Amino acid sequence: MQTKTPKNDEHFYTFKSVEDDDVDKLLELEEIVWKEQGCSREMITSRIQTFQEGQIIAVTPTGEVVGYIGTQFVNDLSDSCHTWNQITDFGTIKNSHVKSGNYMFGISLTAHPQHPGVGMQLQLKAGVIGVKHRKHGCFLGSRVPKFHMGSADYSIEEWVHGKNDRSRDREVRYYQRAGFNIVKVIPDYFPDPESLNYGALMFNTNPFRFLPFPTIWANLIHRYGHRLFK
């Protein structure tokens, strides 16, 4: 299923599962956004082979890939303190995707710098998958890229949790605005000098989990959810 969502008067996106023909354009996007830390061809190809439904891209009318979100199914991560490599099988999800897992995990979110609003829309599309499959909710690991600037004055816990449940880190606040709550701080989560290698495990509950007819709810969110971002 594909949907087209207006970005503004001039642009709109098509959202679709990643196919083999999209890999080159997706790798170009990863290079633009993440440089050498972007996904490799091996990672993307393995994710498609393992769980294609959970790999979603945003495409412009000219065919440019400007956004990507990758997900997998997992068991409860709230009591663990695993690194990103451990959770995702080094980004391939080949051995980490649990078909019967009751939770989703957001592997990565990539948005072209000229299309920043696409990130929230991709999260919504990924959420549709969780609703359809009756998952309890979604975990993700957020970077804390401004911590290197505040580490002299704050501990990592103080930085992530902030004041009045509002994180001091802009990226963590981004996910908080999307409905995610902080679960815990994870040391050595991912090689990231800006975050001093820390990550914040976050979780968003699926509010539709106990409602009947999950496919109907998923289709409604898929079709009309973009109106939340106008």
Protein backbone atom coordinates (compact mmCIF):
# COMPACT_ATOMS: atom_id res chain seq x y z
CA MET A 1 0.00 0.00 0.00
CA GLN A 2 1.24 3.48 -0.86
CA THR A 3 0.00 6.87 0.28
CA LYS A 4 0.81 10.37 -0.84
CA THR A 5 1.03 13.07 1.80
CA PRO A 6 1.31 16.82 1.18
CA LYS A 7 4.43 18.40 2.62
CA ASN A 8 3.47 21.90 1.56
CA ASP A 9 2.05 23.50 -1.59
CA GLU A 10 4.94 22.26 -3.70
CA HIS A 11 5.91 18.81 -2.39
CA PHE A 12 4.35 15.57 -1.32
CA TYR A 13 5.77 12.18 -0.48
CA THR A 14 4.99 8.62 -1.44
CA PHE A 15 5.60 6.15 1.38
CA LYS A 16 6.49 2.58 0.47
CA SER A 17 8.39 -0.48 1.62
CA VAL A 18 11.99 -0.53 0.46
CA GLU A 19 12.62 -2.69 -2.62
CA ASP A 20 15.87 -3.80 -4.18
CA ASP A 21 15.64 -1.04 -6.80
CA ASP A 22 15.53 1.60 -4.03
CA VAL A 23 18.77 0.58 -2.33
CA ASP A 24 21.14 2.83 -4.29
CA LYS A 25 19.04 5.95 -3.65
CA LEU A 26 18.62 5.02 -0.01
CA LEU A 27 22.39 4.65 0.38
CA GLU A 28 22.83 8.11 -1.14
CA LEU A 29 20.50 9.51 1.53
CA GLU A 30 22.37 7.67 4.30
CA GLU A 31 25.63 9.17 3.05
CA ILE A 32 24.19 12.69 3.03
CA VAL A 33 22.81 12.45 6.56
CA TRP A 34 25.15 10.12 8.44
CA LYS A 35 28.39 10.09 6.38
CA GLU A 36 30.48 7.03 7.30
CA GLN A 37 28.02 6.02 10.03
CA GLY A 38 25.21 5.47 7.54
CA CYS A 39 23.76 2.08 6.70
CA SER A 40 25.77 -0.18 4.44
CA ARG A 41 24.40 -2.05 1.44
CA GLU A 42 24.69 -5.28 3.42
CA MET A 43 22.53 -3.87 6.21
CA ILE A 44 19.79 -2.58 3.93
CA THR A 45 19.69 -5.73 1.79
CA SER A 46 19.52 -7.95 4.87
CA ARG A 47 16.71 -5.85 6.38
CA ILE A 48 14.69 -6.17 3.18
CA GLN A 49 15.19 -9.93 3.14
CA THR A 50 14.36 -10.30 6.82
CA PHE A 51 11.48 -7.85 7.38
CA GLN A 52 10.64 -5.83 4.30
CA GLU A 53 7.37 -4.53 5.73
CA GLY A 54 9.28 -2.75 8.47
CA GLN A 55 11.57 -0.81 6.11
CA ILE A 56 9.81 2.32 4.83
CA ILE A 57 11.04 5.16 2.63
CA ALA A 58 9.61 8.54 1.66
CA VAL A 59 9.92 9.41 -2.03
CA THR A 60 9.36 12.77 -3.75
CA PRO A 61 7.46 13.14 -7.06
CA THR A 62 10.84 13.25 -8.83
CA GLY A 63 11.84 9.89 -7.36
CA GLU A 64 14.30 11.16 -4.75
CA VAL A 65 14.42 9.16 -1.51
CA VAL A 66 14.33 11.76 1.28
CA GLY A 67 13.46 9.68 4.32
CA TYR A 68 13.84 6.20 5.75
CA ILE A 69 12.74 4.39 8.88
CA GLY A 70 13.82 0.86 9.74
CA THR A 71 12.09 -1.36 12.30
CA GLN A 72 12.09 -4.88 13.62
CA PHE A 73 10.07 -6.92 16.10
CA VAL A 74 11.72 -7.68 19.46
CA ASN A 75 10.97 -8.90 22.96
CA ASP A 76 10.76 -6.49 25.92
CA LEU A 77 13.95 -4.41 26.16
CA SER A 78 13.10 -2.45 29.30
CA ASP A 79 15.11 -4.71 31.62
CA SER A 80 18.12 -5.04 29.33
CA CYS A 81 21.00 -2.71 28.60
CA HIS A 82 22.09 -3.87 25.18
CA THR A 83 24.02 -1.89 22.60
CA TRP A 84 22.57 -0.99 19.21
CA ASN A 85 24.73 -3.67 17.58
CA GLN A 86 23.41 -6.31 19.97
CA ILE A 87 19.78 -5.29 19.50
CA THR A 88 19.98 -5.16 15.70
CA ASP A 89 22.55 -7.87 14.91
CA PHE A 90 24.98 -5.16 13.76
CA GLY A 91 22.28 -3.43 11.75
CA THR A 92 21.33 -6.45 9.65
CA ILE A 93 18.44 -7.69 11.93
CA LYS A 94 19.08 -11.13 10.41
CA ASN A 95 19.18 -12.87 13.79
CA SER A 96 17.60 -10.17 15.97
CA HIS A 97 14.19 -9.77 14.32
CA VAL A 98 11.78 -11.81 16.45
CA LYS A 99 8.66 -12.59 14.40
CA SER A 100 6.65 -13.37 17.53
CA GLY A 101 8.06 -10.44 19.53
CA ASN A 102 5.48 -8.29 21.28
CA TYR A 103 7.33 -5.03 20.66
CA MET A 104 8.78 -3.02 17.82
CA PHE A 105 12.22 -1.46 17.81
CA GLY A 106 13.15 1.54 15.71
CA ILE A 107 16.47 0.63 14.13
CA SER A 108 17.11 3.97 12.47
CA LEU A 109 15.41 7.14 11.29
CA THR A 110 16.93 9.18 8.46
CA ALA A 111 15.51 12.45 7.14
CA HIS A 112 17.06 14.60 4.44
CA PRO A 113 18.08 17.97 5.95
CA GLN A 114 15.88 19.78 3.41
CA HIS A 115 12.88 17.62 4.40
CA PRO A 116 13.01 17.56 8.23
CA GLY A 117 9.25 17.11 8.64
CA VAL A 118 9.32 13.75 6.94
CA GLY A 119 10.72 12.11 10.08
CA MET A 120 7.52 12.42 12.09
CA GLN A 121 5.48 11.13 9.16
CA LEU A 122 7.73 8.10 8.82
CA GLN A 123 7.28 7.37 12.53
CA LEU A 124 3.54 7.41 11.98
CA LYS A 125 3.82 4.96 9.08
CA ALA A 126 5.93 2.65 11.23
CA GLY A 127 3.36 2.95 14.00
CA VAL A 128 0.75 1.61 11.62
CA ILE A 129 2.70 -1.65 11.48
CA GLY A 130 2.63 -1.90 15.26
CA VAL A 131 -1.12 -1.33 15.36
CA LYS A 132 -1.75 -3.87 12.61
CA HIS A 133 0.26 -6.56 14.42
CA ARG A 134 -1.06 -5.68 17.90
CA LYS A 135 2.37 -4.89 19.34
CA HIS A 136 2.51 -3.55 22.90
CA GLY A 137 4.49 -0.53 21.73
CA CYS A 138 7.76 0.60 20.20
CA PHE A 139 11.26 1.00 21.64
CA LEU A 140 14.00 3.10 20.13
CA GLY A 141 17.44 4.29 21.09
CA SER A 142 17.90 8.04 20.80
CA ARG A 143 21.23 9.76 20.35
CA VAL A 144 22.10 12.51 22.82
CA PRO A 145 24.25 14.58 20.43
CA LYS A 146 24.50 17.72 22.56
CA PHE A 147 25.80 15.94 25.64
CA HIS A 148 29.41 16.61 24.69
CA MET A 149 28.62 20.30 25.21
CA GLY A 150 27.00 19.82 28.62
CA SER A 151 28.96 16.94 30.12
CA ALA A 152 31.12 19.26 32.21
CA ASP A 153 28.06 20.57 34.06
CA TYR A 154 25.65 17.61 34.05
CA SER A 155 25.76 13.87 34.53
CA ILE A 156 24.33 11.81 31.68
CA GLU A 157 21.23 11.06 33.77
CA GLU A 158 20.69 14.76 34.49
CA TRP A 159 21.20 15.59 30.84
CA VAL A 160 18.83 12.97 29.45
CA HIS A 161 16.03 13.34 32.00
CA GLY A 162 16.36 17.10 32.24
CA LYS A 163 13.93 19.12 34.32
CA ASN A 164 10.23 18.36 34.80
CA ASP A 165 10.55 15.35 32.47
CA ARG A 166 11.79 17.56 29.63
CA SER A 167 15.18 16.41 28.39
CA ARG A 168 18.03 18.84 28.01
CA ASP A 169 18.92 17.15 24.73
CA ARG A 170 17.15 18.34 21.59
CA GLU A 171 17.02 14.92 19.95
CA VAL A 172 15.52 13.25 23.01
CA ARG A 173 12.93 16.05 23.17
CA TYR A 174 12.10 15.37 19.51
CA TYR A 175 11.04 11.85 20.42
CA GLN A 176 9.28 13.04 23.55
CA ARG A 177 7.10 15.27 21.35
CA ALA A 178 6.25 12.15 19.34
CA GLY A 179 4.95 10.45 22.49
CA PHE A 180 8.02 8.50 23.60
CA ASN A 181 9.05 8.29 27.25
CA ILE A 182 12.58 7.79 28.58
CA VAL A 183 13.20 4.27 29.90
CA LYS A 184 16.90 4.36 30.74
CA VAL A 185 20.32 5.60 29.73
CA ILE A 186 22.53 3.08 27.90
CA PRO A 187 26.33 3.52 28.06
CA ASP A 188 28.36 2.51 25.00
CA TYR A 189 25.13 2.32 23.01
CA PHE A 190 26.69 3.30 19.69
CA PRO A 191 30.00 4.87 18.59
CA ASP A 192 29.01 8.53 18.61
CA PRO A 193 31.51 11.16 19.82
CA GLU A 194 28.85 13.86 20.11
CA SER A 195 26.82 11.67 22.47
CA LEU A 196 29.99 10.41 24.19
CA ASN A 197 28.69 6.99 23.05
CA TYR A 198 25.57 7.21 25.25
CA GLY A 199 22.06 6.48 24.10
CA ALA A 200 18.61 6.89 25.64
CA LEU A 201 16.24 3.93 25.43
CA MET A 202 12.73 5.27 24.85
CA PHE A 203 9.29 3.68 24.58
CA ASN A 204 5.90 4.60 23.16
CA THR A 205 2.82 2.52 24.05
CA ASN A 206 0.42 1.32 21.35
CA PRO A 207 -2.92 2.83 22.47
CA PHE A 208 -4.83 0.65 19.99
CA ARG A 209 -3.53 -2.65 21.32
CA PHE A 210 -6.74 -3.72 23.09
CA LEU A 211 -9.18 -2.43 20.48
CA PRO A 212 -10.92 -4.87 18.11
CA PHE A 213 -10.28 -4.93 14.36
CA PRO A 214 -6.61 -3.83 14.37
CA THR A 215 -6.39 -3.90 10.57
CA ILE A 216 -9.19 -1.35 10.28
CA TRP A 217 -7.50 0.99 12.78
CA ALA A 218 -4.19 0.56 10.99
CA ASN A 219 -5.76 1.44 7.64
CA LEU A 220 -7.42 4.54 9.09
CA ILE A 221 -4.16 5.77 10.60
CA HIS A 222 -2.33 4.96 7.37
CA ARG A 223 -4.80 6.98 5.32
CA TYR A 224 -5.60 9.94 7.55
CA GLY A 225 -2.80 10.15 10.10
CA HIS A 226 -0.79 12.61 8.00
CA ARG A 227 -3.30 15.31 8.90
CA LEU A 228 -1.64 15.45 12.30
CA PHE A 229 1.40 17.02 10.63
CA LYS A 230 -0.25 19.72 8.56
